[in-house]
């Protein structure tokens, strides 16, 4: 009887732990956002060796009353796998790992733009409307949060967000384009023309155009996305709506997120 009661208590505690983990999981994302906004990865990188906690604190643009909380922030981040931690005779030290290197501002595959977009208020607040969205006929929670305005229309009227969003889309494409040209370059052999539908600022199409000068490439996206972008000899930008018409071409490139 006692054993049965203990089993129930253990199951209850496990269930409670699972609920708590989901309730507070946002702390991991917000801590990472905070680290980027404070330039912690770049400070560690510029130090040139594992940085002691005291030196990290000294280089951070924070109020002196908050210095004691940086250790707690770094504990969250190291627990999440974003920094390696060691210890000398005096204090803990931090160094970058593969994940935190992708958060450097000048890394060729930097993901900081994606982080700023997804964790910023414009993209995160619609999630608070998810239950309301299920109760109405809006196409997305973004419409519900923004009084019926679609994401693309919002970006078209907010140049700052539009630029950040386009950079976020480009940052995830840079690595994909490198892999594509390394392993699947033969797919493009013999093509004469190509339209990258929803191609953003043309990150992947620029690579194709440079590798295959004989392919006439078009980056096709909404007018506010491609407005002002510079064309090259075999690459041009065309604004429009893919649900209405796509420029005539021999082949279409459409990147799909799964």
Protein backbone atom coordinates (compact mmCIF):
# COMPACT_ATOMS: atom_id res chain seq x y z
CA UNK A 1 0.00 0.00 0.00
CA UNK A 2 2.83 2.35 0.93
CA UNK A 3 4.76 1.44 -2.22
CA UNK A 4 1.71 2.17 -4.38
CA UNK A 5 1.37 5.59 -2.74
CA UNK A 6 5.06 6.32 -3.33
CA UNK A 7 4.68 5.41 -7.03
CA UNK A 8 1.79 7.85 -7.36
CA UNK A 9 3.80 10.60 -5.69
CA UNK A 10 6.76 9.98 -8.02
CA UNK A 11 4.51 10.09 -11.10
CA UNK A 12 2.89 13.28 -9.84
CA UNK A 13 6.27 14.93 -9.28
CA UNK A 14 7.44 13.90 -12.76
CA UNK A 15 4.27 15.32 -14.27
CA UNK A 16 4.68 18.54 -12.30
CA UNK A 17 8.29 18.79 -13.46
CA UNK A 18 7.21 18.45 -17.09
CA UNK A 19 4.66 21.25 -16.66
CA UNK A 20 7.21 23.49 -14.95
CA UNK A 21 9.75 22.84 -17.73
CA UNK A 22 7.27 24.01 -20.35
CA UNK A 23 6.10 27.01 -18.35
CA UNK A 24 9.63 28.32 -17.86
CA UNK A 25 11.21 27.21 -21.14
CA UNK A 26 10.89 30.77 -22.49
CA UNK A 27 13.69 31.75 -20.08
CA UNK A 28 16.21 29.91 -22.26
CA UNK A 29 15.21 31.85 -25.39
CA UNK A 30 15.03 35.20 -23.61
CA UNK A 31 18.41 34.62 -21.94
CA UNK A 32 19.92 33.93 -25.35
CA UNK A 33 18.33 37.10 -26.72
CA UNK A 34 19.76 39.04 -23.79
CA UNK A 35 23.25 37.62 -24.42
CA UNK A 36 23.13 38.79 -28.05
CA UNK A 37 21.88 42.24 -27.12
CA UNK A 38 24.75 42.54 -24.62
CA UNK A 39 27.22 41.23 -27.28
CA UNK A 40 28.46 38.50 -24.93
CA UNK A 41 29.63 36.13 -27.73
CA UNK A 42 31.60 38.94 -29.41
CA UNK A 43 33.16 40.03 -26.11
CA UNK A 44 34.34 36.46 -25.45
CA UNK A 45 35.64 36.15 -29.01
CA UNK A 46 37.55 39.42 -28.82
CA UNK A 47 39.17 38.46 -25.50
CA UNK A 48 41.16 35.83 -27.40
CA UNK A 49 41.15 33.17 -24.68
CA UNK A 50 38.73 31.82 -22.06
CA UNK A 51 37.42 34.91 -20.32
CA UNK A 52 37.12 35.06 -16.51
CA UNK A 53 33.71 36.07 -15.18
CA UNK A 54 35.13 39.26 -13.66
CA UNK A 55 36.59 40.35 -17.01
CA UNK A 56 33.33 39.58 -18.81
CA UNK A 57 31.39 41.67 -16.30
CA UNK A 58 33.87 44.54 -16.64
CA UNK A 59 33.36 44.66 -20.41
CA UNK A 60 29.55 44.51 -20.36
CA UNK A 61 27.47 47.70 -20.78
CA UNK A 62 25.39 47.06 -17.68
CA UNK A 63 24.38 48.94 -14.54
CA UNK A 64 26.78 48.21 -11.64
CA UNK A 65 23.86 47.00 -9.53
CA UNK A 66 23.33 44.11 -12.00
CA UNK A 67 26.86 42.65 -11.98
CA UNK A 68 25.92 39.89 -9.56
CA UNK A 69 23.24 38.61 -11.93
CA UNK A 70 25.56 37.93 -14.88
CA UNK A 71 26.74 34.66 -13.32
CA UNK A 72 23.10 33.48 -13.21
CA UNK A 73 22.61 34.46 -16.85
CA UNK A 74 25.74 32.59 -17.89
CA UNK A 75 24.63 29.51 -15.94
CA UNK A 76 21.42 29.40 -17.99
CA UNK A 77 23.37 29.78 -21.22
CA UNK A 78 26.03 27.18 -20.40
CA UNK A 79 23.33 24.76 -19.25
CA UNK A 80 21.63 25.30 -22.62
CA UNK A 81 24.91 24.42 -24.38
CA UNK A 82 25.89 27.85 -25.71
CA UNK A 83 29.23 28.33 -23.95
CA UNK A 84 31.90 26.09 -22.52
CA UNK A 85 32.81 26.76 -18.91
CA UNK A 86 36.04 26.00 -17.06
CA UNK A 87 37.48 27.20 -13.77
CA UNK A 88 40.85 28.51 -12.67
CA UNK A 89 42.02 28.90 -9.08
CA UNK A 90 39.88 31.98 -8.59
CA UNK A 91 36.75 31.97 -10.77
CA UNK A 92 34.86 30.45 -13.67
CA UNK A 93 35.87 31.19 -17.28
CA UNK A 94 33.89 31.03 -20.50
CA UNK A 95 34.75 30.26 -24.10
CA UNK A 96 32.79 29.91 -27.31
CA UNK A 97 31.60 26.61 -28.77
CA UNK A 98 30.12 25.79 -32.18
CA UNK A 99 26.65 27.07 -31.25
CA UNK A 100 27.77 30.40 -29.79
CA UNK A 101 30.08 31.06 -32.75
CA UNK A 102 26.96 31.20 -34.92
CA UNK A 103 25.89 34.15 -32.76
CA UNK A 104 28.93 36.29 -33.61
CA UNK A 105 28.03 39.41 -35.57
CA UNK A 106 30.68 38.83 -38.24
CA UNK A 107 30.37 35.05 -38.61
CA UNK A 108 29.64 34.16 -42.25
CA UNK A 109 26.68 32.05 -41.08
CA UNK A 110 25.63 34.31 -38.21
CA UNK A 111 22.10 33.63 -36.98
CA UNK A 112 21.69 36.83 -34.96
CA UNK A 113 19.22 38.36 -37.42
CA UNK A 114 16.99 35.30 -37.15
CA UNK A 115 17.11 35.51 -33.37
CA UNK A 116 16.17 39.21 -33.35
CA UNK A 117 13.22 38.60 -35.67
CA UNK A 118 11.75 35.49 -34.06
CA UNK A 119 12.26 36.57 -30.44
CA UNK A 120 11.41 40.22 -31.01
CA UNK A 121 7.95 41.53 -30.02
CA UNK A 122 6.60 41.76 -33.58
CA UNK A 123 6.90 38.00 -34.13
CA UNK A 124 6.54 36.76 -30.54
CA UNK A 125 3.42 38.68 -29.47
CA UNK A 126 1.14 36.92 -32.01
CA UNK A 127 1.76 33.67 -30.13
CA UNK A 128 -0.19 35.18 -27.24
CA UNK A 129 -3.17 35.28 -29.62
CA UNK A 130 -3.04 31.59 -30.53
CA UNK A 131 -6.16 30.58 -28.59
CA UNK A 132 -8.08 33.60 -29.91
CA UNK A 133 -6.98 32.75 -33.44
CA UNK A 134 -8.55 29.29 -33.15
CA UNK A 135 -11.83 30.99 -32.30
CA UNK A 136 -11.91 33.38 -35.27
CA UNK A 137 -11.45 33.13 -39.04
CA UNK A 138 -8.18 35.08 -39.31
CA UNK A 139 -5.56 33.45 -41.60
CA UNK A 140 -2.89 33.58 -38.87
CA UNK A 141 -2.31 34.74 -35.27
CA UNK A 142 -0.28 37.61 -36.78
CA UNK A 143 -3.50 38.93 -38.34
CA UNK A 144 -5.26 38.66 -34.99
CA UNK A 145 -2.52 40.55 -33.14
CA UNK A 146 -2.25 43.26 -35.81
CA UNK A 147 -5.91 43.99 -36.56
CA UNK A 148 -6.09 41.96 -39.76
CA UNK A 149 -2.76 43.05 -41.24
CA UNK A 150 -0.71 40.28 -42.88
CA UNK A 151 2.99 39.82 -42.09
CA UNK A 152 4.06 40.76 -45.62
CA UNK A 153 1.96 43.94 -45.60
CA UNK A 154 3.33 44.86 -42.18
CA UNK A 155 6.90 44.44 -43.45
CA UNK A 156 6.05 46.53 -46.49
CA UNK A 157 5.17 49.49 -44.26
CA UNK A 158 7.95 49.08 -41.67
CA UNK A 159 11.38 49.48 -43.37
CA UNK A 160 13.33 48.56 -40.23
CA UNK A 161 11.47 45.30 -39.72
CA UNK A 162 11.53 44.59 -43.45
CA UNK A 163 15.32 44.87 -43.52
CA UNK A 164 15.74 42.71 -40.41
CA UNK A 165 13.30 40.08 -41.71
CA UNK A 166 15.08 39.88 -45.08
CA UNK A 167 18.43 39.48 -43.34
CA UNK A 168 16.96 36.73 -41.16
CA UNK A 169 15.77 34.85 -44.23
CA UNK A 170 19.19 35.33 -45.83
CA UNK A 171 21.11 34.06 -42.81
CA UNK A 172 19.50 30.63 -42.92
CA UNK A 173 20.04 30.45 -46.68
CA UNK A 174 23.80 31.11 -46.67
CA UNK A 175 24.68 27.72 -45.23
CA UNK A 176 22.11 25.96 -47.42
CA UNK A 177 23.58 27.56 -50.55
CA UNK A 178 27.07 26.44 -49.56
CA UNK A 179 25.88 22.85 -49.13
CA UNK A 180 23.86 23.00 -52.34
CA UNK A 181 26.79 24.18 -54.47
CA UNK A 182 29.02 21.57 -52.87
CA UNK A 183 26.76 18.52 -53.25
CA UNK A 184 24.08 19.34 -55.82
CA UNK A 185 25.79 21.67 -58.27
CA UNK A 186 25.06 19.28 -61.14
CA UNK A 187 21.33 20.03 -60.86
CA UNK A 188 21.94 23.41 -62.53
CA UNK A 189 24.10 22.14 -65.39
CA UNK A 190 22.56 22.95 -68.77
CA UNK A 191 19.94 25.39 -67.53
CA UNK A 192 19.43 28.61 -69.47
CA UNK A 193 17.09 30.50 -67.15
CA UNK A 194 15.93 30.29 -63.52
CA UNK A 195 13.47 32.16 -61.33
CA UNK A 196 13.95 32.04 -57.56
CA UNK A 197 10.36 32.39 -56.32
CA UNK A 198 10.21 34.11 -52.94
CA UNK A 199 13.96 34.59 -53.24
CA UNK A 200 14.24 37.43 -50.74
CA UNK A 201 17.38 39.50 -51.24
CA UNK A 202 18.82 36.84 -53.55
CA UNK A 203 21.31 35.13 -51.23
CA UNK A 204 21.12 31.74 -52.89
CA UNK A 205 20.54 33.08 -56.42
CA UNK A 206 23.70 35.18 -56.27
CA UNK A 207 25.69 31.99 -55.66
CA UNK A 208 24.00 30.26 -58.61
CA UNK A 209 24.51 33.26 -60.92
CA UNK A 210 28.18 33.47 -60.01
CA UNK A 211 28.75 29.74 -60.47
CA UNK A 212 26.79 29.58 -63.75
CA UNK A 213 27.28 32.80 -65.77
CA UNK A 214 25.23 31.35 -68.64
CA UNK A 215 22.06 31.06 -66.55
CA UNK A 216 19.78 34.11 -66.68
CA UNK A 217 18.64 34.37 -63.05
CA UNK A 218 15.68 36.28 -61.65
CA UNK A 219 14.95 36.84 -57.96
CA UNK A 220 11.19 37.16 -57.70
CA UNK A 221 9.61 38.47 -54.50
CA UNK A 222 7.23 41.12 -53.21
CA UNK A 223 8.03 44.65 -54.42
CA UNK A 224 9.07 45.96 -50.99
CA UNK A 225 11.52 43.05 -50.62
CA UNK A 226 13.41 43.55 -53.90
CA UNK A 227 13.08 47.33 -54.19
CA UNK A 228 16.49 48.96 -54.59
CA UNK A 229 18.50 45.74 -54.79
CA UNK A 230 21.39 45.81 -57.25
CA UNK A 231 21.29 43.52 -60.28
CA UNK A 232 24.29 42.00 -62.06
CA UNK A 233 25.03 40.81 -65.59
CA UNK A 234 23.00 37.60 -65.32
CA UNK A 235 20.87 38.35 -62.26
CA UNK A 236 17.96 40.75 -61.89
CA UNK A 237 15.26 41.43 -59.34
CA UNK A 238 11.56 41.45 -60.20
CA UNK A 239 8.76 42.45 -57.85
CA UNK A 240 5.35 40.80 -57.93
CA UNK A 241 2.98 38.28 -56.36
CA UNK A 242 3.68 34.61 -57.02
CA UNK A 243 -0.02 33.82 -56.53
CA UNK A 244 -0.83 36.00 -59.53
CA UNK A 245 2.01 35.35 -62.01
CA UNK A 246 5.64 34.23 -62.21
CA UNK A 247 8.09 35.48 -64.86
CA UNK A 248 8.50 32.99 -67.74
CA UNK A 249 11.50 30.73 -67.24
CA UNK A 250 12.96 27.31 -67.96
CA UNK A 251 13.23 26.40 -64.27
CA UNK A 252 11.88 27.51 -60.90
CA UNK A 253 13.69 27.48 -57.57
CA UNK A 254 11.36 27.36 -54.58
CA UNK A 255 12.82 26.89 -51.13
CA UNK A 256 10.36 25.13 -48.85
CA UNK A 257 10.63 24.89 -45.05
CA UNK A 258 9.64 21.54 -43.65
